[in-house]
Amino acid sequence: MCHHCVTESVKSRMLSRRDFFRASAAAGAAAAVVSTPNPLLAQSASRVEDMTHELHEGFPTYFGEQQFFVDQKFNYADHKFNINEWRLNEHTGTHVDAPLHFSEDGLSVAEIPVGDLVCPLAVIDIREKASADPDAQVTPEDIEAWVSANGEIPDGACVAMLSGWGAHVSSDKFRNVGDDGKTMHFPGFHIEAAEMLMEETGARGMAVDTLSLDHGPSPDFAVHYSWLPSGRWGLECIANLESLPASGATLVVGAPKVRGGSGGPARVFAMV
């Protein structure tokens, strides 16, 4: 169908539906005041927090280069509808790392069991040491302290690092390149902490409020190469962890279902 035909079809449908929507507006307003079941209350949750940074063309990336591009194909002024075409690196913005990201034949992002993507959230707060040392890492001692204060890490949990780094997402400090012009300095998980979680807990996910599961100066991506090939998943650039309690929240990860994908931008939220 030609572009002109599409445009005219859209206009026609808009006009034919306008009277319907006007006629039903009053009924809709009345229905809105009728009490309906709240699915959040059914889950004993009182609020929902958005854990996702807004993705845009200038969002900081691990390699420092732009990884998200937008090309508008149709616009409302000319066509009476909007359609954008996106081109992006899978690992841009708030995104999922699938097992396939660091393994030869691990699960793709489409193959991660959906039950693993709705899970208890354990938030390990290392803001104090991260403010003193940008290369700070979550260690086994941090996990032990969390367990002492909150109890055992739940089976299937996502264990998240709260370093406070999300506050820097709009500045160069998010990548925090050192004087050598190439080494980044931001917090992440220590390999011994990742191994402890794999050996001693039933955690399935790991999340960071930085660009990488490994801390910035990592020379070998040790955490990625240990955690992801085990069939577990990661979240990078998660937002708003400071708004959540250390334990008790439920994380929901809207991972893209892309065949063969090694990851992808995700809409993430938490029910508290």
C-alpha atoms as a PDB file:
ATOM      1  CA  MET A   1       0.000   0.000   0.000  1.00  0.00           C
ATOM      2  CA  CYS A   2       1.374   3.486  -0.880  1.00  0.00           C
ATOM      3  CA  HIS A   3       2.216   6.038   1.810  1.00  0.00           C
ATOM      4  CA  HIS A   4      -0.612   8.329   0.634  1.00  0.00           C
ATOM      5  CA  CYS A   5      -3.120   5.482   0.933  1.00  0.00           C
ATOM      6  CA  VAL A   6      -1.924   4.642   4.417  1.00  0.00           C
ATOM      7  CA  THR A   7      -2.232   8.269   5.490  1.00  0.00           C
ATOM      8  CA  GLU A   8      -5.745   8.631   4.094  1.00  0.00           C
ATOM      9  CA  SER A   9      -6.801   5.375   5.724  1.00  0.00           C
ATOM     10  CA  VAL A  10      -5.567   6.577   9.086  1.00  0.00           C
ATOM     11  CA  LYS A  11      -7.394   9.904   8.720  1.00  0.00           C
ATOM     12  CA  SER A  12     -10.631   8.120   7.815  1.00  0.00           C
ATOM     13  CA  ARG A  13     -10.414   5.810  10.801  1.00  0.00           C
ATOM     14  CA  MET A  14      -9.704   8.730  13.122  1.00  0.00           C
ATOM     15  CA  LEU A  15     -12.810  10.581  11.918  1.00  0.00           C
ATOM     16  CA  SER A  16     -15.066   7.528  12.095  1.00  0.00           C
ATOM     17  CA  ARG A  17     -13.993   6.745  15.625  1.00  0.00           C
ATOM     18  CA  ARG A  18     -14.175  10.290  16.985  1.00  0.00           C
ATOM     19  CA  ASP A  19     -17.937  10.218  17.582  1.00  0.00           C
ATOM     20  CA  PHE A  20     -17.666   6.835  19.249  1.00  0.00           C
ATOM     21  CA  PHE A  21     -15.089   8.086  21.742  1.00  0.00           C
ATOM     22  CA  ARG A  22     -17.071  11.249  22.460  1.00  0.00           C
ATOM     23  CA  ALA A  23     -20.234   9.234  23.064  1.00  0.00           C
ATOM     24  CA  SER A  24     -18.485   6.828  25.403  1.00  0.00           C
ATOM     25  CA  ALA A  25     -16.534   9.423  27.397  1.00  0.00           C
ATOM     26  CA  ALA A  26     -19.237   9.935  30.013  1.00  0.00           C
ATOM     27  CA  ALA A  27     -19.714   6.213  30.511  1.00  0.00           C
ATOM     28  CA  GLY A  28     -15.976   5.725  30.814  1.00  0.00           C
ATOM     29  CA  ALA A  29     -15.695   8.438  33.448  1.00  0.00           C
ATOM     30  CA  ALA A  30     -18.465   6.844  35.488  1.00  0.00           C
ATOM     31  CA  ALA A  31     -16.841   3.431  35.275  1.00  0.00           C
ATOM     32  CA  ALA A  32     -13.553   4.855  36.499  1.00  0.00           C
ATOM     33  CA  VAL A  33     -15.012   5.588  39.921  1.00  0.00           C
ATOM     34  CA  VAL A  34     -16.131   2.003  40.397  1.00  0.00           C
ATOM     35  CA  SER A  35     -13.776   0.095  42.664  1.00  0.00           C
ATOM     36  CA  THR A  36     -11.757  -2.587  40.864  1.00  0.00           C
ATOM     37  CA  PRO A  37      -9.320  -5.146  42.223  1.00  0.00           C
ATOM     38  CA  ASN A  38      -5.746  -3.882  42.517  1.00  0.00           C
ATOM     39  CA  PRO A  39      -3.281  -6.544  41.370  1.00  0.00           C
ATOM     40  CA  LEU A  40      -0.553  -4.895  43.444  1.00  0.00           C
ATOM     41  CA  LEU A  41      -2.571  -5.311  46.613  1.00  0.00           C
ATOM     42  CA  ALA A  42      -3.042  -8.954  45.709  1.00  0.00           C
ATOM     43  CA  GLN A  43       0.743  -9.220  45.852  1.00  0.00           C
ATOM     44  CA  SER A  44       0.853  -7.321  49.166  1.00  0.00           C
ATOM     45  CA  ALA A  45       2.590  -4.441  47.370  1.00  0.00           C
ATOM     46  CA  SER A  46       1.812  -0.806  48.060  1.00  0.00           C
ATOM     47  CA  ARG A  47       3.850   0.902  45.337  1.00  0.00           C
ATOM     48  CA  VAL A  48       5.772   0.339  42.121  1.00  0.00           C
ATOM     49  CA  GLU A  49       9.178   1.881  41.425  1.00  0.00           C
ATOM     50  CA  ASP A  50      10.618   2.375  37.948  1.00  0.00           C
ATOM     51  CA  MET A  51      14.134   0.927  37.853  1.00  0.00           C
ATOM     52  CA  THR A  52      14.873   2.002  34.289  1.00  0.00           C
ATOM     53  CA  HIS A  53      16.879   4.930  32.953  1.00  0.00           C
ATOM     54  CA  GLU A  54      15.315   6.712  29.992  1.00  0.00           C
ATOM     55  CA  LEU A  55      17.154   5.643  26.855  1.00  0.00           C
ATOM     56  CA  HIS A  56      18.262   8.393  24.468  1.00  0.00           C
ATOM     57  CA  GLU A  57      20.909   8.914  21.814  1.00  0.00           C
ATOM     58  CA  GLY A  58      23.387  10.435  24.259  1.00  0.00           C
ATOM     59  CA  PHE A  59      23.148   7.695  26.898  1.00  0.00           C
ATOM     60  CA  PRO A  60      26.645   6.777  28.185  1.00  0.00           C
ATOM     61  CA  THR A  61      28.075   3.494  26.929  1.00  0.00           C
ATOM     62  CA  TYR A  62      30.842   1.148  27.986  1.00  0.00           C
ATOM     63  CA  PHE A  63      32.886   1.848  24.850  1.00  0.00           C
ATOM     64  CA  GLY A  64      32.190   5.576  24.936  1.00  0.00           C
ATOM     65  CA  GLU A  65      30.619   5.661  21.483  1.00  0.00           C
ATOM     66  CA  GLN A  66      26.973   6.296  20.632  1.00  0.00           C
ATOM     67  CA  GLN A  67      25.034   3.024  20.557  1.00  0.00           C
ATOM     68  CA  PHE A  68      21.419   4.181  20.091  1.00  0.00           C
ATOM     69  CA  PHE A  69      20.197   5.932  16.950  1.00  0.00           C
ATOM     70  CA  VAL A  70      16.704   7.180  16.034  1.00  0.00           C
ATOM     71  CA  ASP A  71      15.440   7.873  12.509  1.00  0.00           C
ATOM     72  CA  GLN A  72      11.899   9.185  12.175  1.00  0.00           C
ATOM     73  CA  LYS A  73      10.190   7.515   9.209  1.00  0.00           C
ATOM     74  CA  PHE A  74       6.714   9.029   9.600  1.00  0.00           C
ATOM     75  CA  ASN A  75       5.654  12.181  11.452  1.00  0.00           C
ATOM     76  CA  TYR A  76       2.292  13.415  12.616  1.00  0.00           C
ATOM     77  CA  ALA A  77       2.400  16.718  10.719  1.00  0.00           C
ATOM     78  CA  ASP A  78       2.760  15.037   7.328  1.00  0.00           C
ATOM     79  CA  HIS A  79       1.312  11.561   7.857  1.00  0.00           C
ATOM     80  CA  LYS A  80      -0.994  11.877  10.893  1.00  0.00           C
ATOM     81  CA  PHE A  81       0.967   9.218  12.766  1.00  0.00           C
ATOM     82  CA  ASN A  82       4.500   8.797  14.124  1.00  0.00           C
ATOM     83  CA  ILE A  83       6.896   5.911  13.486  1.00  0.00           C
ATOM     84  CA  ASN A  84      10.574   5.880  14.390  1.00  0.00           C
ATOM     85  CA  GLU A  85      13.176   3.375  13.295  1.00  0.00           C
ATOM     86  CA  TRP A  86      15.775   2.433  15.933  1.00  0.00           C
ATOM     87  CA  ARG A  87      19.293   1.118  15.553  1.00  0.00           C
ATOM     88  CA  LEU A  88      21.008   0.071  18.744  1.00  0.00           C
ATOM     89  CA  ASN A  89      23.634  -2.062  20.418  1.00  0.00           C
ATOM     90  CA  GLU A  90      21.977  -4.751  22.558  1.00  0.00           C
ATOM     91  CA  HIS A  91      23.887  -3.600  25.633  1.00  0.00           C
ATOM     92  CA  THR A  92      22.712  -0.001  25.840  1.00  0.00           C
ATOM     93  CA  GLY A  93      20.848   1.811  28.608  1.00  0.00           C
ATOM     94  CA  THR A  94      19.216  -0.235  31.346  1.00  0.00           C
ATOM     95  CA  HIS A  95      19.691  -3.660  29.819  1.00  0.00           C
ATOM     96  CA  VAL A  96      19.863  -7.409  30.312  1.00  0.00           C
ATOM     97  CA  ASP A  97      22.964  -9.535  29.900  1.00  0.00           C
ATOM     98  CA  ALA A  98      21.890 -13.010  28.778  1.00  0.00           C
ATOM     99  CA  PRO A  99      24.091 -16.085  29.344  1.00  0.00           C
ATOM    100  CA  LEU A 100      24.910 -16.003  25.612  1.00  0.00           C
ATOM    101  CA  HIS A 101      26.672 -12.640  26.070  1.00  0.00           C
ATOM    102  CA  PHE A 102      29.788 -14.320  27.514  1.00  0.00           C
ATOM    103  CA  SER A 103      29.480 -17.929  26.386  1.00  0.00           C
ATOM    104  CA  GLU A 104      29.534 -19.847  23.120  1.00  0.00           C
ATOM    105  CA  ASP A 105      26.135 -21.488  23.399  1.00  0.00           C
ATOM    106  CA  GLY A 106      24.376 -20.088  26.477  1.00  0.00           C
ATOM    107  CA  LEU A 107      20.732 -19.072  26.620  1.00  0.00           C
ATOM    108  CA  SER A 108      19.768 -16.129  24.458  1.00  0.00           C
ATOM    109  CA  VAL A 109      17.767 -13.296  25.965  1.00  0.00           C
ATOM    110  CA  ALA A 110      14.616 -14.845  24.433  1.00  0.00           C
ATOM    111  CA  GLU A 111      15.356 -18.161  26.155  1.00  0.00           C
ATOM    112  CA  ILE A 112      15.729 -16.894  29.723  1.00  0.00           C
ATOM    113  CA  PRO A 113      12.856 -18.555  31.646  1.00  0.00           C
ATOM    114  CA  VAL A 114      10.253 -15.896  32.292  1.00  0.00           C
ATOM    115  CA  GLY A 115       9.882 -17.188  35.843  1.00  0.00           C
ATOM    116  CA  ASP A 116      13.479 -16.148  36.497  1.00  0.00           C
ATOM    117  CA  LEU A 117      12.664 -12.564  35.500  1.00  0.00           C
ATOM    118  CA  VAL A 118      10.115 -12.009  38.287  1.00  0.00           C
ATOM    119  CA  CYS A 119      12.068 -12.474  41.483  1.00  0.00           C
ATOM    120  CA  PRO A 120      12.919 -11.324  45.009  1.00  0.00           C
ATOM    121  CA  LEU A 121      15.394  -8.452  45.102  1.00  0.00           C
ATOM    122  CA  ALA A 122      18.307  -8.199  47.542  1.00  0.00           C
ATOM    123  CA  VAL A 123      19.919  -4.741  47.552  1.00  0.00           C
ATOM    124  CA  ILE A 124      23.490  -4.574  48.854  1.00  0.00           C
ATOM    125  CA  ASP A 125      24.372  -0.977  49.716  1.00  0.00           C
ATOM    126  CA  ILE A 126      28.043  -0.085  49.205  1.00  0.00           C
ATOM    127  CA  ARG A 127      27.531   3.664  48.743  1.00  0.00           C
ATOM    128  CA  GLU A 128      29.791   4.599  51.636  1.00  0.00           C
ATOM    129  CA  LYS A 129      32.876   2.808  50.310  1.00  0.00           C
ATOM    130  CA  ALA A 130      32.054   3.689  46.686  1.00  0.00           C
ATOM    131  CA  SER A 131      32.049   7.388  47.550  1.00  0.00           C
ATOM    132  CA  ALA A 132      35.568   6.982  48.926  1.00  0.00           C
ATOM    133  CA  ASP A 133      36.819   4.626  46.203  1.00  0.00           C
ATOM    134  CA  PRO A 134      35.269   4.554  42.710  1.00  0.00           C
ATOM    135  CA  ASP A 135      36.861   1.117  42.155  1.00  0.00           C
ATOM    136  CA  ALA A 136      34.975  -0.361  45.140  1.00  0.00           C
ATOM    137  CA  GLN A 137      33.513  -3.845  44.732  1.00  0.00           C
ATOM    138  CA  VAL A 138      30.805  -5.968  46.354  1.00  0.00           C
ATOM    139  CA  THR A 139      32.746  -8.543  48.369  1.00  0.00           C
ATOM    140  CA  PRO A 140      31.824 -11.736  50.242  1.00  0.00           C
ATOM    141  CA  GLU A 141      31.965  -9.651  53.421  1.00  0.00           C
ATOM    142  CA  ASP A 142      29.265  -7.336  52.034  1.00  0.00           C
ATOM    143  CA  ILE A 143      27.074 -10.341  51.279  1.00  0.00           C
ATOM    144  CA  GLU A 144      27.638 -11.752  54.763  1.00  0.00           C
ATOM    145  CA  ALA A 145      26.692  -8.399  56.300  1.00  0.00           C
ATOM    146  CA  TRP A 146      23.504  -8.318  54.228  1.00  0.00           C
ATOM    147  CA  VAL A 147      22.574 -11.840  55.343  1.00  0.00           C
ATOM    148  CA  SER A 148      23.228 -10.970  58.988  1.00  0.00           C
ATOM    149  CA  ALA A 149      20.858  -8.009  58.730  1.00  0.00           C
ATOM    150  CA  ASN A 150      18.168  -9.456  56.454  1.00  0.00           C
ATOM    151  CA  GLY A 151      18.319 -13.257  56.528  1.00  0.00           C
ATOM    152  CA  GLU A 152      19.261 -15.674  53.779  1.00  0.00           C
ATOM    153  CA  ILE A 153      19.193 -14.526  50.159  1.00  0.00           C
ATOM    154  CA  PRO A 154      15.955 -15.956  48.708  1.00  0.00           C
ATOM    155  CA  ASP A 155      16.067 -18.654  46.059  1.00  0.00           C
ATOM    156  CA  GLY A 156      15.787 -17.192  42.585  1.00  0.00           C
ATOM    157  CA  ALA A 157      16.730 -13.721  43.799  1.00  0.00           C
ATOM    158  CA  CYS A 158      18.427 -10.938  41.923  1.00  0.00           C
ATOM    159  CA  VAL A 159      21.266  -9.524  44.014  1.00  0.00           C
ATOM    160  CA  ALA A 160      21.806  -5.847  43.243  1.00  0.00           C
ATOM    161  CA  MET A 161      24.693  -3.519  43.992  1.00  0.00           C
ATOM    162  CA  LEU A 162      23.663  -0.047  45.165  1.00  0.00           C
ATOM    163  CA  SER A 163      26.763   2.102  44.708  1.00  0.00           C
ATOM    164  CA  GLY A 164      25.029   5.432  44.133  1.00  0.00           C
ATOM    165  CA  TRP A 165      26.551   5.606  40.653  1.00  0.00           C
ATOM    166  CA  GLY A 166      23.170   6.213  39.034  1.00  0.00           C
ATOM    167  CA  ALA A 167      23.424   9.832  40.192  1.00  0.00           C
ATOM    168  CA  HIS A 168      26.224  10.334  37.651  1.00  0.00           C
ATOM    169  CA  VAL A 169      24.400   8.976  34.594  1.00  0.00           C
ATOM    170  CA  SER A 170      24.148  12.424  32.991  1.00  0.00           C
ATOM    171  CA  SER A 171      27.811  13.279  33.410  1.00  0.00           C
ATOM    172  CA  ASP A 172      31.236  12.014  32.385  1.00  0.00           C
ATOM    173  CA  LYS A 173      31.681  10.566  35.863  1.00  0.00           C
ATOM    174  CA  PHE A 174      29.401   7.656  34.933  1.00  0.00           C
ATOM    175  CA  ARG A 175      32.223   6.259  32.758  1.00  0.00           C
ATOM    176  CA  ASN A 176      34.853   8.014  34.899  1.00  0.00           C
ATOM    177  CA  VAL A 177      37.845   7.560  32.603  1.00  0.00           C
ATOM    178  CA  GLY A 178      41.165   7.926  34.406  1.00  0.00           C
ATOM    179  CA  ASP A 179      44.222   9.974  33.589  1.00  0.00           C
ATOM    180  CA  ASP A 180      45.448   7.319  31.147  1.00  0.00           C
ATOM    181  CA  GLY A 181      42.507   8.166  28.892  1.00  0.00           C
ATOM    182  CA  LYS A 182      41.185   4.601  28.694  1.00  0.00           C
ATOM    183  CA  THR A 183      40.717   2.932  32.103  1.00  0.00           C
ATOM    184  CA  MET A 184      37.296   3.493  33.639  1.00  0.00           C
ATOM    185  CA  HIS A 185      36.702   3.675  37.375  1.00  0.00           C
ATOM    186  CA  PHE A 186      33.303   2.640  38.734  1.00  0.00           C
ATOM    187  CA  PRO A 187      32.092  -0.025  41.201  1.00  0.00           C
ATOM    188  CA  GLY A 188      31.078  -3.613  40.443  1.00  0.00           C
ATOM    189  CA  PHE A 189      31.027  -7.129  41.862  1.00  0.00           C
ATOM    190  CA  HIS A 190      34.195  -8.900  42.988  1.00  0.00           C
ATOM    191  CA  ILE A 191      34.717 -12.324  41.436  1.00  0.00           C
ATOM    192  CA  GLU A 192      34.775 -13.907  44.913  1.00  0.00           C
ATOM    193  CA  ALA A 193      31.345 -12.418  45.628  1.00  0.00           C
ATOM    194  CA  ALA A 194      29.976 -13.835  42.365  1.00  0.00           C
ATOM    195  CA  GLU A 195      31.412 -17.254  43.191  1.00  0.00           C
ATOM    196  CA  MET A 196      29.926 -17.109  46.697  1.00  0.00           C
ATOM    197  CA  LEU A 197      26.476 -16.325  45.287  1.00  0.00           C
ATOM    198  CA  MET A 198      26.727 -19.227  42.829  1.00  0.00           C
ATOM    199  CA  GLU A 199      28.027 -21.739  45.359  1.00  0.00           C
ATOM    200  CA  GLU A 200      26.059 -20.801  48.469  1.00  0.00           C
ATOM    201  CA  THR A 201      22.775 -19.275  47.267  1.00  0.00           C
ATOM    202  CA  GLY A 202      20.035 -19.869  44.715  1.00  0.00           C
ATOM    203  CA  ALA A 203      20.385 -16.382  43.200  1.00  0.00           C
ATOM    204  CA  ARG A 204      19.614 -16.248  39.468  1.00  0.00           C
ATOM    205  CA  GLY A 205      20.235 -12.583  38.673  1.00  0.00           C
ATOM    206  CA  MET A 206      22.805  -9.896  39.412  1.00  0.00           C
ATOM    207  CA  ALA A 207      22.268  -6.153  38.944  1.00  0.00           C
ATOM    208  CA  VAL A 208      24.462  -3.075  39.052  1.00  0.00           C
ATOM    209  CA  ASP A 209      23.798   0.660  38.833  1.00  0.00           C
ATOM    210  CA  THR A 210      26.938   1.035  36.693  1.00  0.00           C
ATOM    211  CA  LEU A 211      27.982   0.101  33.160  1.00  0.00           C
ATOM    212  CA  SER A 212      29.285  -3.373  34.011  1.00  0.00           C
ATOM    213  CA  LEU A 213      28.921  -6.288  36.408  1.00  0.00           C
ATOM    214  CA  ASP A 214      32.718  -6.099  36.709  1.00  0.00           C
ATOM    215  CA  HIS A 215      34.169  -2.924  38.212  1.00  0.00           C
ATOM    216  CA  GLY A 216      35.584  -0.346  35.796  1.00  0.00           C
ATOM    217  CA  PRO A 217      39.303  -1.288  35.833  1.00  0.00           C
ATOM    218  CA  SER A 218      38.657  -5.023  35.431  1.00  0.00           C
ATOM    219  CA  PRO A 219      41.206  -6.437  32.952  1.00  0.00           C
ATOM    220  CA  ASP A 220      39.417  -9.711  32.257  1.00  0.00           C
ATOM    221  CA  PHE A 221      35.625  -9.507  32.823  1.00  0.00           C
ATOM    222  CA  ALA A 222      36.022 -12.251  35.442  1.00  0.00           C
ATOM    223  CA  VAL A 223      32.495 -11.807  36.835  1.00  0.00           C
ATOM    224  CA  HIS A 224      30.899 -11.882  33.389  1.00  0.00           C
ATOM    225  CA  TYR A 225      32.822 -15.036  32.454  1.00  0.00           C
ATOM    226  CA  SER A 226      31.854 -16.737  35.705  1.00  0.00           C
ATOM    227  CA  TRP A 227      28.266 -15.623  36.242  1.00  0.00           C
ATOM    228  CA  LEU A 228      26.716 -15.637  32.774  1.00  0.00           C
ATOM    229  CA  PRO A 229      27.960 -19.029  31.494  1.00  0.00           C
ATOM    230  CA  SER A 230      26.405 -20.594  34.594  1.00  0.00           C
ATOM    231  CA  GLY A 231      22.978 -19.864  33.084  1.00  0.00           C
ATOM    232  CA  ARG A 232      22.333 -16.779  35.201  1.00  0.00           C
ATOM    233  CA  TRP A 233      21.521 -13.286  33.920  1.00  0.00           C
ATOM    234  CA  GLY A 234      22.662  -9.766  34.666  1.00  0.00           C
ATOM    235  CA  LEU A 235      21.235  -6.259  34.657  1.00  0.00           C
ATOM    236  CA  GLU A 236      23.409  -3.219  34.026  1.00  0.00           C
ATOM    237  CA  CYS A 237      22.571   0.471  34.460  1.00  0.00           C
ATOM    238  CA  ILE A 238      19.646  -0.269  36.779  1.00  0.00           C
ATOM    239  CA  ALA A 239      18.107   2.899  38.244  1.00  0.00           C
ATOM    240  CA  ASN A 240      16.574   4.040  41.541  1.00  0.00           C
ATOM    241  CA  LEU A 241      17.848   1.261  43.809  1.00  0.00           C
ATOM    242  CA  GLU A 242      18.078   3.844  46.593  1.00  0.00           C
ATOM    243  CA  SER A 243      14.264   4.014  46.625  1.00  0.00           C
ATOM    244  CA  LEU A 244      13.963   0.363  47.693  1.00  0.00           C
ATOM    245  CA  PRO A 245      14.455  -1.494  50.968  1.00  0.00           C
ATOM    246  CA  ALA A 246      17.382  -3.887  51.337  1.00  0.00           C
ATOM    247  CA  SER A 247      14.945  -6.803  51.164  1.00  0.00           C
ATOM    248  CA  GLY A 248      11.269  -7.431  50.468  1.00  0.00           C
ATOM    249  CA  ALA A 249      10.859  -5.950  46.975  1.00  0.00           C
ATOM    250  CA  THR A 250       9.908  -7.997  43.916  1.00  0.00           C
ATOM    251  CA  LEU A 251      11.795  -7.225  40.717  1.00  0.00           C
ATOM    252  CA  VAL A 252      10.142  -7.538  37.302  1.00  0.00           C
ATOM    253  CA  VAL A 253      12.430  -7.508  34.264  1.00  0.00           C
ATOM    254  CA  GLY A 254      10.817  -6.848  30.894  1.00  0.00           C
ATOM    255  CA  ALA A 255      13.556  -8.507  28.839  1.00  0.00           C
ATOM    256  CA  PRO A 256      13.168  -8.281  25.051  1.00  0.00           C
ATOM    257  CA  LYS A 257      12.235 -11.570  23.400  1.00  0.00           C
ATOM    258  CA  VAL A 258      14.668 -11.353  20.486  1.00  0.00           C
ATOM    259  CA  ARG A 259      15.763 -14.611  18.889  1.00  0.00           C
ATOM    260  CA  GLY A 260      19.487 -15.152  19.334  1.00  0.00           C
ATOM    261  CA  GLY A 261      19.950 -11.943  21.319  1.00  0.00           C
ATOM    262  CA  SER A 262      22.846 -11.715  23.759  1.00  0.00           C
ATOM    263  CA  GLY A 263      20.877  -9.147  25.745  1.00  0.00           C
ATOM    264  CA  GLY A 264      18.855  -6.020  25.185  1.00  0.00           C
ATOM    265  CA  PRO A 265      17.375  -2.860  26.681  1.00  0.00           C
ATOM    266  CA  ALA A 266      14.714  -3.683  29.260  1.00  0.00           C
ATOM    267  CA  ARG A 267      11.915  -1.965  31.150  1.00  0.00           C
ATOM    268  CA  VAL A 268      12.497  -2.884  34.780  1.00  0.00           C
ATOM    269  CA  PHE A 269      10.322  -2.162  37.790  1.00  0.00           C
ATOM    270  CA  ALA A 270      10.005  -3.233  41.400  1.00  0.00           C
ATOM    271  CA  MET A 271       6.933  -3.853  43.528  1.00  0.00           C
ATOM    272  CA  VAL A 272       7.335  -2.946  47.181  1.00  0.00           C
END
